[in-house]
Protein backbone atom coordinates (compact mmCIF):
# COMPACT_ATOMS: atom_id res chain seq x y z
CA UNK A 1 102.01 99.88 112.09
CA UNK A 2 101.90 98.83 108.45
CA UNK A 3 102.14 101.57 105.83
CA UNK A 4 101.08 100.85 102.25
CA UNK A 5 102.01 103.43 99.59
CA UNK A 6 99.93 104.01 96.47
CA UNK A 7 101.43 106.43 93.93
CA UNK A 8 98.43 107.99 92.22
CA UNK A 9 97.24 110.90 90.10
CA UNK A 10 98.82 113.18 87.54
CA UNK A 11 101.40 114.42 90.05
CA UNK A 12 102.45 110.96 91.27
CA UNK A 13 101.25 111.69 94.78
CA UNK A 14 101.98 109.28 97.60
CA UNK A 15 98.66 108.21 99.09
CA UNK A 16 99.28 106.29 102.31
CA UNK A 17 97.15 103.60 103.88
CA UNK A 18 98.12 103.36 107.54
CA UNK A 19 97.06 100.01 108.99
CA UNK A 20 96.83 98.69 112.53
CA UNK A 21 97.66 95.05 111.88
CA UNK A 22 96.01 93.84 115.09
CA UNK A 23 92.66 95.64 114.89
CA UNK A 24 92.48 95.84 111.05
CA UNK A 25 91.56 99.51 111.35
CA UNK A 26 93.15 102.04 109.00
CA UNK A 27 93.64 105.69 108.11
CA UNK A 28 94.17 107.18 104.65
CA UNK A 29 96.61 110.07 104.20
CA UNK A 30 96.22 112.37 101.15
CA UNK A 31 93.89 110.49 98.77
CA UNK A 32 94.82 112.20 95.51
CA UNK A 33 92.85 109.48 93.76
CA UNK A 34 90.76 106.70 95.23
CA UNK A 35 92.65 104.05 93.31
CA UNK A 36 91.16 100.69 92.45
CA UNK A 37 94.35 99.08 93.71
CA UNK A 38 93.97 100.64 97.15
CA UNK A 39 90.29 99.77 97.40
CA UNK A 40 90.98 96.19 96.37
CA UNK A 41 93.68 96.00 99.04
CA UNK A 42 91.30 97.34 101.70
CA UNK A 43 88.67 94.80 100.73
CA UNK A 44 91.10 91.88 100.47
CA UNK A 45 92.61 92.63 103.88
CA UNK A 46 89.18 93.29 105.43
CA UNK A 47 90.20 96.72 106.70
CA UNK A 48 87.97 99.34 108.26
CA UNK A 49 88.96 102.87 107.27
CA UNK A 50 88.36 105.33 110.12
CA UNK A 51 89.57 108.71 108.85
CA UNK A 52 91.22 110.72 106.11
CA UNK A 53 94.13 112.97 107.06
CA UNK A 54 95.07 115.76 104.65
CA UNK A 55 98.45 117.43 104.81
CA UNK A 56 97.12 120.36 102.76
CA UNK A 57 94.43 121.28 100.25
CA UNK A 58 96.06 121.16 96.81
CA UNK A 59 94.10 119.15 94.25
CA UNK A 60 96.75 116.45 93.98
CA UNK A 61 96.14 115.49 97.61
CA UNK A 62 92.35 115.68 97.88
CA UNK A 63 90.55 114.57 94.73
CA UNK A 64 89.94 110.99 95.83
CA UNK A 65 87.95 112.01 98.90
CA UNK A 66 84.44 111.66 97.45
CA UNK A 67 84.98 108.22 95.95
CA UNK A 68 86.60 106.96 99.14
CA UNK A 69 83.76 108.28 101.30
CA UNK A 70 81.16 106.50 99.17
CA UNK A 71 82.47 103.31 100.78
CA UNK A 72 83.74 104.79 104.06
CA UNK A 73 81.82 107.92 105.20
CA UNK A 74 84.60 108.97 107.56
CA UNK A 75 85.78 112.36 108.84
CA UNK A 76 88.27 114.28 106.70
CA UNK A 77 90.75 116.39 108.65
CA UNK A 78 92.65 119.42 107.35
CA UNK A 79 94.15 122.53 108.98
CA UNK A 80 91.77 125.44 109.48
CA UNK A 81 93.91 127.72 107.30
CA UNK A 82 93.08 125.49 104.30
CA UNK A 83 89.36 126.22 104.48
CA UNK A 84 89.34 128.63 101.54
CA UNK A 85 91.53 126.35 99.45
CA UNK A 86 89.32 123.32 100.10
CA UNK A 87 86.32 125.26 98.84
CA UNK A 88 87.90 127.10 95.89
CA UNK A 89 88.89 125.13 92.75
CA UNK A 90 91.06 128.04 91.59
CA UNK A 91 93.05 128.13 94.82
CA UNK A 92 93.53 124.37 94.97
CA UNK A 93 94.44 124.32 91.24
CA UNK A 94 91.85 121.71 90.27
CA UNK A 95 90.12 124.21 87.95
CA UNK A 96 93.08 124.12 85.60
CA UNK A 97 93.23 120.35 85.38
CA UNK A 98 89.82 118.79 85.91
CA UNK A 99 87.24 121.54 85.67
CA UNK A 100 87.18 122.12 89.40
CA UNK A 101 86.92 120.19 92.65
CA UNK A 102 86.02 121.31 96.13
CA UNK A 103 85.15 119.62 99.41
CA UNK A 104 82.97 121.42 101.92
CA UNK A 105 82.62 118.87 104.72
CA UNK A 106 86.13 118.83 106.20
CA UNK A 107 86.81 118.84 109.92
CA UNK A 108 89.16 121.76 110.53
CA UNK A 109 92.02 121.27 112.96
CA UNK A 110 94.87 123.26 114.50
CA UNK A 111 98.54 122.66 115.10
CA UNK A 112 99.19 120.95 118.40
CA UNK A 113 96.08 118.80 118.27
CA UNK A 114 96.26 115.01 118.44
CA UNK A 115 93.96 112.89 116.29
CA UNK A 116 93.42 109.38 117.63
CA UNK A 117 92.40 106.83 115.01
CA UNK A 118 93.10 103.17 114.28
CA UNK A 119 94.83 102.86 117.64
CA UNK A 120 97.43 105.56 116.92
CA UNK A 121 97.88 109.17 117.99
CA UNK A 122 98.64 111.49 115.08
CA UNK A 123 100.11 114.74 116.40
CA UNK A 124 99.37 117.69 114.13
CA UNK A 125 102.48 119.78 113.39
CA UNK A 126 101.58 123.02 111.60
CA UNK A 127 104.32 123.65 109.03
CA UNK A 128 103.18 126.49 106.73
CA UNK A 129 105.22 127.54 103.73
CA UNK A 130 104.06 125.28 100.92
CA UNK A 131 100.55 126.39 101.82
CA UNK A 132 99.30 128.49 104.69
CA UNK A 133 97.72 125.51 106.43
CA UNK A 134 100.21 122.79 105.60
CA UNK A 135 100.71 120.21 108.32
CA UNK A 136 102.69 117.07 109.08
CA UNK A 137 101.37 114.18 111.16
CA UNK A 138 103.72 112.60 113.69
CA UNK A 139 103.09 109.21 115.31
CA UNK A 140 105.59 109.23 118.15
CA UNK A 141 105.13 105.62 119.24
CA UNK A 142 106.01 104.39 115.74
CA UNK A 143 108.61 107.07 114.94
CA UNK A 144 106.77 107.91 111.73
CA UNK A 145 106.13 111.33 110.15
CA UNK A 146 103.81 112.03 107.22
CA UNK A 147 105.31 115.24 105.83
CA UNK A 148 103.08 116.04 102.85
CA UNK A 149 104.76 118.65 100.63
CA UNK A 150 106.72 120.24 103.47
CA UNK A 151 109.79 118.00 103.47
CA UNK A 152 111.04 115.67 100.75
CA UNK A 153 114.18 113.56 100.45
CA UNK A 154 117.00 116.11 100.18
CA UNK A 155 114.66 118.90 99.15
CA UNK A 156 111.56 120.81 100.29
CA UNK A 157 108.16 121.75 98.94
CA UNK A 158 107.55 124.58 96.51
CA UNK A 159 106.89 127.98 98.00
CA UNK A 160 106.16 130.00 94.86
CA UNK A 161 102.39 129.77 95.27
CA UNK A 162 100.28 132.78 96.36
CA UNK A 163 100.24 131.72 100.02
CA UNK A 164 103.72 130.17 100.04
CA UNK A 165 106.71 131.31 102.07
CA UNK A 166 110.21 129.84 102.02
CA UNK A 167 111.10 131.48 105.33
CA UNK A 168 108.02 129.98 107.01
CA UNK A 169 108.74 126.57 105.50
CA UNK A 170 112.35 126.51 106.65
CA UNK A 171 111.41 127.76 110.12
CA UNK A 172 108.75 125.10 110.50
CA UNK A 173 111.08 122.31 109.44
CA UNK A 174 113.86 123.45 111.73
CA UNK A 175 111.68 124.12 114.76
CA UNK A 176 109.15 121.29 114.50
CA UNK A 177 110.66 118.50 112.39
CA UNK A 178 114.41 118.64 113.01
CA UNK A 179 113.81 118.39 116.75
CA UNK A 180 112.41 114.87 116.23
CA UNK A 181 114.70 111.84 116.67
CA UNK A 182 117.07 111.15 113.78
CA UNK A 183 115.59 107.70 113.19
CA UNK A 184 112.06 108.98 112.54
CA UNK A 185 110.96 107.74 109.12
CA UNK A 186 109.57 110.49 106.88
CA UNK A 187 106.81 109.62 104.40
CA UNK A 188 106.52 112.59 102.00
CA UNK A 189 103.81 113.60 99.59
CA UNK A 190 106.00 112.77 96.59
CA UNK A 191 109.12 110.72 95.91
CA UNK A 192 110.70 108.15 98.21
CA UNK A 193 110.74 108.09 101.99
CA UNK A 194 113.64 109.34 104.08
CA UNK A 195 114.57 109.95 107.73
CA UNK A 196 114.97 113.05 109.86
CA UNK A 197 118.65 112.23 110.37
CA UNK A 198 119.31 111.92 106.65
CA UNK A 199 117.68 115.28 105.94
CA UNK A 200 119.63 117.01 108.70
CA UNK A 201 122.84 115.82 107.07
CA UNK A 202 122.09 116.09 103.36
CA UNK A 203 119.22 118.51 102.73
CA UNK A 204 120.97 121.58 101.33
CA UNK A 205 117.80 123.69 101.46
CA UNK A 206 117.97 123.69 105.23
């Protein structure tokens, strides 16, 4: 697995391009912006994008969907509890920045499901707290976790939004993330990557 990181948008969101180097198939995680740099990379490497995985529905993780799907009309997955947020520019906060953005064609998923794309199995771990439908995606064979805004390096996601909950966030991290092997690499929605072991030792929020 090759993971390319593109830091995009007004919130410096990590948009990940997950590439199967053998098949040249790929998945995009959290396209905050469909950056020219990412699209040029996809074209240069002759990649075929198969899916978009969303960790949650805030504007700074979703606003590149339409431009990406003009080239790759692929399914967009998000947890079922994000349905209202995906369709409401006020709830996803895009109304305050860009005049409003919504996306009505998502495929709604549940915790415990496995999404198979680009030759990898992405296990959906429902970790509410930052948002009601926040999820992480775990690829066990590669020991890789895409944590969105649930878990950052030595900190956690904000929980002061209307549907946020610090108790839910902490519980989800402890029960679903901290049970993973210490050497699992964590690719968060913002800032640099980390590992489960590092967070268990140094994350004071937990």
